[in-house]
Amino acid sequence: MNGFTMKQLAAIFMITMALTISGCASSVSETAKVEYQTYVKAGQAVPVKHFTDSQGNHIDLSESHNAKLLVLFATWCPDSQRAMKALQASDLNLDPNIDIIGIGREEDQEALDKFANEYQINFPLVADSDRSIYAKFANAGIPRLILLDADNQIVKAIIAEGEHPLAEVQW
C-alpha cells in the first residue's frame, strides 16, 4: 500500500483525526490537550492594554470609553476565517460604540495585511508572532472572543469555534 505499513497508516489516520477534531490547533502537541484553558474571567482587568497594529498605529485601550471586542485568531484556521466573515457581516462591525481589534496568533504583519485585504477587514489587526499576547488569555483554541466593557474589564471570554461563532456575543 504505497510503501506504508498498517501501523504507519493507523498513525497517520490518528494524527489526521486529532487535527480535525481539535479545531485549529497549531501543533500535534496542542491537539493532545483535551481541555482548553482560559486564563481570564469576567470581572478581571484585561491583561494587555497596549498594542501596535499591522499598520504601525499604537492602540491604548484606556483611550476609548467604548466596549471592546478582542478577536484572537489565526489566518489559516477555518474557524477563525468563519468568525471573521461572520463579524464582517454583523452589526457589531458597524457599531460606533464597539472597538474591535483582531490579534493574529503566530502571525506576522505581511500575513495579516493579506488577510485584511482578502476578508475586507476594516478594524485593526495586531501581529502576535510569538504568542506573547495570546498566552495571557489562554493555552489553546482559536478563535477566541474577549468582550470588554468601557473600563476594560472582561465581560466574557468565548471560544468561537463552530457554525455560529458570534452566538454568545452579548455585553
N, C-alpha and C. Protein backbone atom coordinates (compact mmCIF):
# COMPACT_ATOMS: atom_id res chain seq x y z
N MET A 1 0.84 -1.18 0.00
CA MET A 1 0.00 0.00 0.00
C MET A 1 0.88 1.24 0.00
N ASN A 2 1.45 1.59 -1.14
CA ASN A 2 2.31 2.76 -1.30
C ASN A 2 3.49 2.76 -0.34
N GLY A 3 3.93 1.62 0.10
CA GLY A 3 5.09 1.54 0.96
C GLY A 3 4.81 1.79 2.43
N PHE A 4 3.58 2.06 2.83
CA PHE A 4 3.24 2.27 4.23
C PHE A 4 2.80 0.97 4.87
N THR A 5 3.22 0.76 6.10
CA THR A 5 2.73 -0.40 6.84
C THR A 5 1.37 -0.05 7.45
N MET A 6 0.66 -1.03 7.90
CA MET A 6 -0.64 -0.78 8.54
C MET A 6 -0.46 0.09 9.79
N LYS A 7 0.63 -0.12 10.49
CA LYS A 7 0.90 0.66 11.70
C LYS A 7 1.10 2.14 11.34
N GLN A 8 1.84 2.40 10.26
CA GLN A 8 2.07 3.77 9.82
C GLN A 8 0.77 4.42 9.36
N LEU A 9 -0.04 3.68 8.61
CA LEU A 9 -1.32 4.20 8.15
C LEU A 9 -2.23 4.52 9.33
N ALA A 10 -2.23 3.65 10.33
CA ALA A 10 -3.04 3.89 11.52
C ALA A 10 -2.58 5.16 12.24
N ALA A 11 -1.27 5.36 12.34
CA ALA A 11 -0.72 6.55 12.99
C ALA A 11 -1.11 7.81 12.21
N ILE A 12 -1.00 7.76 10.89
CA ILE A 12 -1.38 8.90 10.05
C ILE A 12 -2.87 9.21 10.25
N PHE A 13 -3.69 8.19 10.28
CA PHE A 13 -5.12 8.36 10.47
C PHE A 13 -5.40 9.02 11.82
N MET A 14 -4.74 8.56 12.87
CA MET A 14 -4.98 9.10 14.22
C MET A 14 -4.56 10.57 14.30
N ILE A 15 -3.44 10.91 13.70
CA ILE A 15 -2.99 12.30 13.71
C ILE A 15 -3.97 13.17 12.93
N THR A 16 -4.40 12.69 11.78
CA THR A 16 -5.36 13.43 10.96
C THR A 16 -6.66 13.65 11.72
N MET A 17 -7.15 12.63 12.39
CA MET A 17 -8.39 12.75 13.15
C MET A 17 -8.20 13.73 14.32
N ALA A 18 -7.09 13.67 14.99
CA ALA A 18 -6.83 14.58 16.11
C ALA A 18 -6.83 16.02 15.64
N LEU A 19 -6.20 16.30 14.51
CA LEU A 19 -6.17 17.65 13.97
C LEU A 19 -7.56 18.10 13.55
N THR A 20 -8.33 17.21 12.98
CA THR A 20 -9.68 17.54 12.54
C THR A 20 -10.59 17.83 13.73
N ILE A 21 -10.54 17.01 14.73
CA ILE A 21 -11.40 17.15 15.89
C ILE A 21 -11.03 18.36 16.73
N SER A 22 -9.75 18.69 16.78
CA SER A 22 -9.29 19.72 17.69
C SER A 22 -9.53 21.14 17.21
N GLY A 23 -10.16 21.33 16.10
CA GLY A 23 -10.36 22.68 15.60
C GLY A 23 -9.08 23.19 14.99
N CYS A 24 -8.62 24.33 15.43
CA CYS A 24 -7.46 24.97 14.82
C CYS A 24 -6.24 24.90 15.72
N ALA A 25 -5.83 23.71 16.04
CA ALA A 25 -4.60 23.53 16.80
C ALA A 25 -3.43 23.80 15.88
N SER A 26 -2.38 24.39 16.41
CA SER A 26 -1.23 24.70 15.56
C SER A 26 -0.15 23.63 15.62
N SER A 27 -0.31 22.66 16.50
CA SER A 27 0.69 21.61 16.56
C SER A 27 0.06 20.33 17.09
N VAL A 28 0.71 19.22 16.85
CA VAL A 28 0.21 17.94 17.34
C VAL A 28 0.17 17.94 18.86
N SER A 29 1.16 18.56 19.52
CA SER A 29 1.17 18.59 20.98
C SER A 29 -0.03 19.36 21.51
N GLU A 30 -0.47 20.39 20.79
CA GLU A 30 -1.63 21.15 21.22
C GLU A 30 -2.90 20.32 21.10
N THR A 31 -2.96 19.45 20.09
CA THR A 31 -4.16 18.64 19.92
C THR A 31 -4.31 17.62 21.03
N ALA A 32 -3.22 17.28 21.69
CA ALA A 32 -3.28 16.31 22.78
C ALA A 32 -4.00 16.88 24.00
N LYS A 33 -4.10 18.20 24.10
CA LYS A 33 -4.79 18.84 25.21
C LYS A 33 -6.29 18.75 24.97
N VAL A 34 -6.94 17.96 25.77
CA VAL A 34 -8.37 17.76 25.61
C VAL A 34 -9.14 19.00 26.03
N GLU A 35 -8.69 19.64 27.08
CA GLU A 35 -9.43 20.77 27.64
C GLU A 35 -8.69 22.07 27.38
N TYR A 36 -9.37 23.01 26.74
CA TYR A 36 -8.82 24.35 26.57
C TYR A 36 -8.86 25.06 27.92
N GLN A 37 -7.82 25.78 28.23
CA GLN A 37 -7.80 26.57 29.45
C GLN A 37 -7.90 28.04 29.09
N THR A 38 -8.76 28.74 29.81
CA THR A 38 -8.91 30.18 29.65
C THR A 38 -8.35 30.82 30.92
N TYR A 39 -7.41 31.75 30.76
CA TYR A 39 -6.72 32.34 31.90
C TYR A 39 -7.39 33.61 32.42
N VAL A 40 -8.41 34.09 31.74
CA VAL A 40 -9.10 35.30 32.16
C VAL A 40 -10.56 34.96 32.43
N LYS A 41 -11.19 35.78 33.26
CA LYS A 41 -12.61 35.55 33.53
C LYS A 41 -13.31 36.89 33.75
N ALA A 42 -14.62 36.84 33.71
CA ALA A 42 -15.44 38.04 33.87
C ALA A 42 -15.07 38.76 35.16
N GLY A 43 -14.99 40.09 35.04
CA GLY A 43 -14.68 40.93 36.19
C GLY A 43 -13.22 41.31 36.32
N GLN A 44 -12.35 40.58 35.64
CA GLN A 44 -10.91 40.90 35.70
C GLN A 44 -10.59 42.02 34.70
N ALA A 45 -9.51 42.73 35.00
CA ALA A 45 -8.99 43.72 34.06
C ALA A 45 -8.32 42.96 32.91
N VAL A 46 -8.43 43.50 31.72
CA VAL A 46 -7.77 42.87 30.57
C VAL A 46 -6.26 42.88 30.82
N PRO A 47 -5.56 41.78 30.55
CA PRO A 47 -4.13 41.71 30.87
C PRO A 47 -3.21 42.48 29.92
N VAL A 48 -3.72 42.90 28.77
CA VAL A 48 -2.92 43.65 27.80
C VAL A 48 -3.75 44.85 27.35
N LYS A 49 -3.19 46.05 27.49
CA LYS A 49 -3.94 47.26 27.12
C LYS A 49 -3.31 48.05 25.99
N HIS A 50 -2.09 47.69 25.61
CA HIS A 50 -1.36 48.44 24.58
C HIS A 50 -0.97 47.50 23.45
N PHE A 51 -1.22 47.94 22.23
CA PHE A 51 -0.93 47.14 21.04
C PHE A 51 -0.35 48.06 19.97
N THR A 52 0.31 47.44 19.00
CA THR A 52 0.69 48.12 17.77
C THR A 52 0.12 47.30 16.63
N ASP A 53 -0.72 47.92 15.81
CA ASP A 53 -1.36 47.16 14.74
C ASP A 53 -0.42 46.97 13.55
N SER A 54 -0.89 46.24 12.56
CA SER A 54 -0.05 45.89 11.41
C SER A 54 0.31 47.10 10.56
N GLN A 55 -0.35 48.23 10.78
CA GLN A 55 -0.04 49.46 10.05
C GLN A 55 0.90 50.38 10.84
N GLY A 56 1.31 49.93 12.04
CA GLY A 56 2.21 50.71 12.88
C GLY A 56 1.51 51.66 13.83
N ASN A 57 0.19 51.63 13.87
CA ASN A 57 -0.57 52.51 14.77
C ASN A 57 -0.56 51.94 16.19
N HIS A 58 -0.38 52.83 17.17
CA HIS A 58 -0.40 52.42 18.57
C HIS A 58 -1.83 52.47 19.08
N ILE A 59 -2.23 51.44 19.80
CA ILE A 59 -3.58 51.34 20.35
C ILE A 59 -3.46 51.24 21.86
N ASP A 60 -4.12 52.15 22.55
CA ASP A 60 -4.18 52.13 24.01
C ASP A 60 -5.66 51.98 24.37
N LEU A 61 -6.03 50.83 24.91
CA LEU A 61 -7.43 50.57 25.21
C LEU A 61 -8.03 51.59 26.17
N SER A 62 -7.22 52.18 27.03
CA SER A 62 -7.73 53.14 28.00
C SER A 62 -8.12 54.48 27.37
N GLU A 63 -7.73 54.70 26.12
CA GLU A 63 -8.08 55.94 25.43
C GLU A 63 -9.51 55.94 24.90
N SER A 64 -10.15 54.79 24.87
CA SER A 64 -11.52 54.69 24.37
C SER A 64 -12.45 54.26 25.49
N HIS A 65 -13.62 54.86 25.51
CA HIS A 65 -14.63 54.50 26.50
C HIS A 65 -15.72 53.63 25.89
N ASN A 66 -15.43 53.04 24.75
CA ASN A 66 -16.34 52.10 24.10
C ASN A 66 -16.17 50.71 24.70
N ALA A 67 -17.17 49.87 24.47
CA ALA A 67 -16.99 48.43 24.71
C ALA A 67 -15.97 47.97 23.67
N LYS A 68 -15.30 46.86 23.96
CA LYS A 68 -14.28 46.35 23.04
C LYS A 68 -14.46 44.87 22.82
N LEU A 69 -14.09 44.44 21.63
CA LEU A 69 -14.10 43.03 21.27
C LEU A 69 -12.71 42.69 20.76
N LEU A 70 -12.00 41.86 21.52
CA LEU A 70 -10.70 41.36 21.07
C LEU A 70 -10.94 40.00 20.42
N VAL A 71 -10.45 39.84 19.21
CA VAL A 71 -10.62 38.59 18.46
C VAL A 71 -9.25 37.94 18.34
N LEU A 72 -9.03 36.85 19.07
CA LEU A 72 -7.78 36.10 18.98
C LEU A 72 -7.99 35.04 17.90
N PHE A 73 -7.20 35.09 16.83
CA PHE A 73 -7.45 34.25 15.66
C PHE A 73 -6.15 33.89 14.96
N ALA A 74 -6.28 33.06 13.93
CA ALA A 74 -5.16 32.75 13.04
C ALA A 74 -5.70 32.75 11.61
N THR A 75 -4.94 33.31 10.70
CA THR A 75 -5.40 33.46 9.32
C THR A 75 -5.64 32.12 8.63
N TRP A 76 -4.93 31.07 9.04
CA TRP A 76 -5.01 29.76 8.39
C TRP A 76 -6.13 28.88 8.95
N CYS A 77 -6.75 29.29 10.02
CA CYS A 77 -7.72 28.48 10.74
C CYS A 77 -9.13 28.65 10.16
N PRO A 78 -9.77 27.57 9.72
CA PRO A 78 -11.13 27.68 9.16
C PRO A 78 -12.14 28.27 10.16
N ASP A 79 -12.03 27.92 11.44
CA ASP A 79 -12.94 28.50 12.43
C ASP A 79 -12.72 30.01 12.56
N SER A 80 -11.47 30.44 12.53
CA SER A 80 -11.17 31.88 12.58
C SER A 80 -11.68 32.58 11.33
N GLN A 81 -11.50 31.97 10.18
CA GLN A 81 -12.00 32.56 8.94
C GLN A 81 -13.52 32.72 9.00
N ARG A 82 -14.21 31.71 9.49
CA ARG A 82 -15.67 31.76 9.62
C ARG A 82 -16.07 32.87 10.58
N ALA A 83 -15.37 32.98 11.70
CA ALA A 83 -15.68 34.02 12.68
C ALA A 83 -15.47 35.41 12.10
N MET A 84 -14.40 35.59 11.36
CA MET A 84 -14.13 36.90 10.77
C MET A 84 -15.17 37.25 9.71
N LYS A 85 -15.58 36.28 8.91
CA LYS A 85 -16.64 36.53 7.93
C LYS A 85 -17.94 36.91 8.64
N ALA A 86 -18.27 36.20 9.70
CA ALA A 86 -19.49 36.49 10.46
C ALA A 86 -19.40 37.89 11.08
N LEU A 87 -18.25 38.24 11.60
CA LEU A 87 -18.05 39.55 12.20
C LEU A 87 -18.20 40.65 11.15
N GLN A 88 -17.62 40.46 9.99
CA GLN A 88 -17.73 41.44 8.91
C GLN A 88 -19.18 41.63 8.48
N ALA A 89 -19.97 40.57 8.52
CA ALA A 89 -21.37 40.63 8.09
C ALA A 89 -22.31 41.10 9.21
N SER A 90 -21.80 41.23 10.41
CA SER A 90 -22.66 41.56 11.55
C SER A 90 -22.77 43.06 11.77
N ASP A 91 -23.73 43.44 12.60
CA ASP A 91 -23.88 44.84 13.00
C ASP A 91 -22.77 45.28 13.96
N LEU A 92 -22.12 44.33 14.61
CA LEU A 92 -21.03 44.66 15.53
C LEU A 92 -19.94 45.46 14.81
N ASN A 93 -19.69 45.06 13.60
CA ASN A 93 -18.64 45.67 12.80
C ASN A 93 -18.91 47.15 12.52
N LEU A 94 -20.18 47.54 12.53
CA LEU A 94 -20.56 48.92 12.20
C LEU A 94 -20.92 49.74 13.43
N ASP A 95 -20.97 49.12 14.60
CA ASP A 95 -21.40 49.80 15.82
C ASP A 95 -20.33 50.79 16.28
N PRO A 96 -20.68 52.09 16.33
CA PRO A 96 -19.68 53.09 16.74
C PRO A 96 -19.32 53.02 18.22
N ASN A 97 -20.06 52.22 18.99
CA ASN A 97 -19.80 52.09 20.42
C ASN A 97 -19.00 50.84 20.77
N ILE A 98 -18.50 50.15 19.75
CA ILE A 98 -17.69 48.94 19.96
C ILE A 98 -16.40 49.07 19.16
N ASP A 99 -15.28 48.92 19.84
CA ASP A 99 -13.98 48.88 19.17
C ASP A 99 -13.59 47.41 19.00
N ILE A 100 -13.22 47.04 17.80
CA ILE A 100 -12.81 45.67 17.52
C ILE A 100 -11.33 45.66 17.18
N ILE A 101 -10.62 44.72 17.78
CA ILE A 101 -9.19 44.55 17.50
C ILE A 101 -8.94 43.06 17.28
N GLY A 102 -8.40 42.70 16.14
CA GLY A 102 -8.02 41.33 15.85
C GLY A 102 -6.57 41.10 16.23
N ILE A 103 -6.31 39.98 16.90
CA ILE A 103 -4.95 39.65 17.32
C ILE A 103 -4.58 38.33 16.67
N GLY A 104 -3.68 38.39 15.71
CA GLY A 104 -3.28 37.22 14.92
C GLY A 104 -2.23 36.40 15.64
N ARG A 105 -2.66 35.26 16.19
CA ARG A 105 -1.76 34.37 16.92
C ARG A 105 -0.77 33.74 15.95
N GLU A 106 0.51 33.88 16.25
CA GLU A 106 1.60 33.34 15.43
C GLU A 106 1.55 33.88 14.00
N GLU A 107 1.18 35.13 13.87
CA GLU A 107 1.08 35.78 12.56
C GLU A 107 2.04 36.96 12.48
N ASP A 108 2.44 37.29 11.26
CA ASP A 108 3.28 38.47 11.05
C ASP A 108 2.48 39.53 10.29
N GLN A 109 3.07 40.70 10.15
CA GLN A 109 2.40 41.82 9.52
C GLN A 109 1.97 41.49 8.09
N GLU A 110 2.83 40.85 7.34
CA GLU A 110 2.52 40.53 5.95
C GLU A 110 1.29 39.63 5.83
N ALA A 111 1.22 38.58 6.65
CA ALA A 111 0.08 37.67 6.63
C ALA A 111 -1.20 38.39 7.03
N LEU A 112 -1.11 39.26 8.03
CA LEU A 112 -2.30 40.00 8.48
C LEU A 112 -2.78 40.98 7.42
N ASP A 113 -1.86 41.66 6.75
CA ASP A 113 -2.25 42.59 5.69
C ASP A 113 -2.94 41.85 4.54
N LYS A 114 -2.41 40.71 4.18
CA LYS A 114 -3.02 39.90 3.12
C LYS A 114 -4.42 39.44 3.54
N PHE A 115 -4.54 38.98 4.78
CA PHE A 115 -5.82 38.52 5.32
C PHE A 115 -6.83 39.66 5.36
N ALA A 116 -6.40 40.84 5.83
CA ALA A 116 -7.28 42.01 5.91
C ALA A 116 -7.80 42.38 4.54
N ASN A 117 -6.95 42.30 3.55
CA ASN A 117 -7.35 42.62 2.18
C ASN A 117 -8.34 41.58 1.64
N GLU A 118 -8.02 40.31 1.84
CA GLU A 118 -8.87 39.22 1.33
C GLU A 118 -10.24 39.20 2.00
N TYR A 119 -10.29 39.45 3.31
CA TYR A 119 -11.55 39.37 4.07
C TYR A 119 -12.19 40.75 4.28
N GLN A 120 -11.60 41.78 3.69
CA GLN A 120 -12.10 43.15 3.79
C GLN A 120 -12.29 43.59 5.24
N ILE A 121 -11.27 43.33 6.04
CA ILE A 121 -11.30 43.70 7.46
C ILE A 121 -11.07 45.20 7.58
N ASN A 122 -11.93 45.86 8.33
CA ASN A 122 -11.82 47.32 8.48
C ASN A 122 -11.53 47.73 9.92
N PHE A 123 -11.00 46.80 10.71
CA PHE A 123 -10.58 47.13 12.07
C PHE A 123 -9.12 46.72 12.22
N PRO A 124 -8.44 47.22 13.24
CA PRO A 124 -7.00 46.96 13.38
C PRO A 124 -6.70 45.48 13.64
N LEU A 125 -5.60 45.03 13.04
CA LEU A 125 -5.08 43.68 13.28
C LEU A 125 -3.70 43.80 13.88
N VAL A 126 -3.46 43.01 14.91
CA VAL A 126 -2.20 43.05 15.66
C VAL A 126 -1.49 41.71 15.48
N ALA A 127 -0.22 41.76 15.11
CA ALA A 127 0.58 40.54 14.96
C ALA A 127 1.08 40.08 16.33
N ASP A 128 0.82 38.83 16.63
CA ASP A 128 1.30 38.20 17.88
C ASP A 128 2.16 37.01 17.48
N SER A 129 3.28 37.31 16.85
CA SER A 129 4.11 36.28 16.23
C SER A 129 4.66 35.25 17.22
N ASP A 130 4.86 35.66 18.47
CA ASP A 130 5.44 34.74 19.46
C ASP A 130 4.42 34.25 20.50
N ARG A 131 3.16 34.51 20.28
CA ARG A 131 2.06 34.11 21.18
C ARG A 131 2.11 34.80 22.54
N SER A 132 2.88 35.85 22.68
CA SER A 132 3.01 36.50 23.99
C SER A 132 1.71 37.16 24.44
N ILE A 133 0.94 37.67 23.50
CA ILE A 133 -0.37 38.25 23.85
C ILE A 133 -1.36 37.11 24.14
N TYR A 134 -1.45 36.19 23.21
CA TYR A 134 -2.38 35.07 23.35
C TYR A 134 -2.17 34.33 24.67
N ALA A 135 -0.93 34.14 25.07
CA ALA A 135 -0.60 33.38 26.28
C ALA A 135 -1.15 34.03 27.55
N LYS A 136 -1.51 35.29 27.50
CA LYS A 136 -2.10 35.95 28.65
C LYS A 136 -3.59 35.63 28.79
N PHE A 137 -4.18 35.07 27.72
CA PHE A 137 -5.61 34.78 27.70
C PHE A 137 -5.94 33.29 27.78
N ALA A 138 -5.11 32.45 27.16
CA ALA A 138 -5.47 31.03 27.05
C ALA A 138 -4.27 30.18 26.70
N ASN A 139 -4.48 28.85 26.79
CA ASN A 139 -3.42 27.92 26.41
C ASN A 139 -3.58 27.39 24.99
N ALA A 140 -4.82 27.27 24.52
CA ALA A 140 -5.08 26.70 23.19
C ALA A 140 -6.49 27.09 22.76
N GLY A 141 -6.73 26.92 21.47
CA GLY A 141 -8.06 27.14 20.93
C GLY A 141 -8.26 28.52 20.34
N ILE A 142 -8.59 28.54 19.06
CA ILE A 142 -8.93 29.77 18.37
C ILE A 142 -10.10 29.48 17.44
N PRO A 143 -10.88 30.45 17.14
CA PRO A 143 -10.83 31.82 17.61
C PRO A 143 -11.39 31.96 19.02
N ARG A 144 -10.92 32.97 19.67
CA ARG A 144 -11.45 33.34 20.99
C ARG A 144 -11.90 34.79 20.91
N LEU A 145 -13.05 35.04 21.48
CA LEU A 145 -13.59 36.39 21.52
C LEU A 145 -13.57 36.85 22.98
N ILE A 146 -12.94 37.98 23.22
CA ILE A 146 -12.85 38.53 24.56
C ILE A 146 -13.64 39.85 24.55
N LEU A 147 -14.73 39.88 25.30
CA LEU A 147 -15.58 41.06 25.38
C LEU A 147 -15.16 41.88 26.58
N LEU A 148 -14.93 43.17 26.35
CA LEU A 148 -14.53 44.09 27.40
C LEU A 148 -15.57 45.19 27.53
N ASP A 149 -15.74 45.70 28.75
CA ASP A 149 -16.63 46.83 28.94
C ASP A 149 -15.84 48.12 28.69
N ALA A 150 -16.48 49.25 28.92
CA ALA A 150 -15.85 50.55 28.66
C ALA A 150 -14.63 50.79 29.55
N ASP A 151 -14.57 50.11 30.71
CA ASP A 151 -13.44 50.26 31.63
C ASP A 151 -12.39 49.18 31.46
N ASN A 152 -12.47 48.43 30.38
CA ASN A 152 -11.53 47.37 30.03
C ASN A 152 -11.54 46.20 31.01
N GLN A 153 -12.70 45.97 31.59
CA GLN A 153 -12.91 44.78 32.42
C GLN A 153 -13.49 43.69 31.52
N ILE A 154 -13.07 42.47 31.74
CA ILE A 154 -13.56 41.37 30.92
C ILE A 154 -15.01 41.08 31.28
N VAL A 155 -15.85 41.05 30.27
CA VAL A 155 -17.26 40.73 30.42
C VAL A 155 -17.47 39.25 30.17
N LYS A 156 -16.78 38.74 29.13
CA LYS A 156 -16.96 37.34 28.75
C LYS A 156 -15.80 36.93 27.85
N ALA A 157 -15.39 35.66 27.97
CA ALA A 157 -14.40 35.07 27.07
C ALA A 157 -15.08 33.88 26.39
N ILE A 158 -15.05 33.86 25.07
CA ILE A 158 -15.79 32.87 24.29
C ILE A 158 -14.84 32.13 23.35
N ILE A 159 -14.94 30.81 23.32
CA ILE A 159 -14.27 30.04 22.28
C ILE A 159 -15.28 29.96 21.13
N ALA A 160 -14.97 30.57 20.02
CA ALA A 160 -15.94 30.78 18.95
C ALA A 160 -15.79 29.79 17.80
N GLU A 161 -15.51 28.55 18.11
CA GLU A 161 -15.45 27.52 17.08
C GLU A 161 -16.89 27.14 16.70
N GLY A 162 -17.06 26.65 15.51
CA GLY A 162 -18.38 26.17 15.12
C GLY A 162 -19.08 27.05 14.10
N GLU A 163 -20.29 26.66 13.79
CA GLU A 163 -21.06 27.30 12.72
C GLU A 163 -21.56 28.70 13.06
N HIS A 164 -21.77 29.00 14.34
CA HIS A 164 -22.32 30.29 14.75
C HIS A 164 -21.38 30.97 15.75
N PRO A 165 -20.26 31.48 15.26
CA PRO A 165 -19.21 31.97 16.16
C PRO A 165 -19.60 33.18 16.99
N LEU A 166 -20.60 33.93 16.58
CA LEU A 166 -20.98 35.14 17.32
C LEU A 166 -22.20 34.92 18.21
N ALA A 167 -22.69 33.71 18.31
CA ALA A 167 -23.93 33.41 19.02
C ALA A 167 -23.92 33.89 20.47
N GLU A 168 -22.78 33.84 21.14
CA GLU A 168 -22.71 34.21 22.56
C GLU A 168 -22.25 35.64 22.80
N VAL A 169 -22.06 36.40 21.74
CA VAL A 169 -21.56 37.78 21.89
C VAL A 169 -22.70 38.67 22.35
N GLN A 170 -22.60 39.06 23.60
CA GLN A 170 -23.57 39.97 24.19
C GLN A 170 -22.95 40.58 25.44
N TRP A 171 -22.97 41.90 25.52
CA TRP A 171 -22.39 42.57 26.66
C TRP A 171 -23.35 42.63 27.79
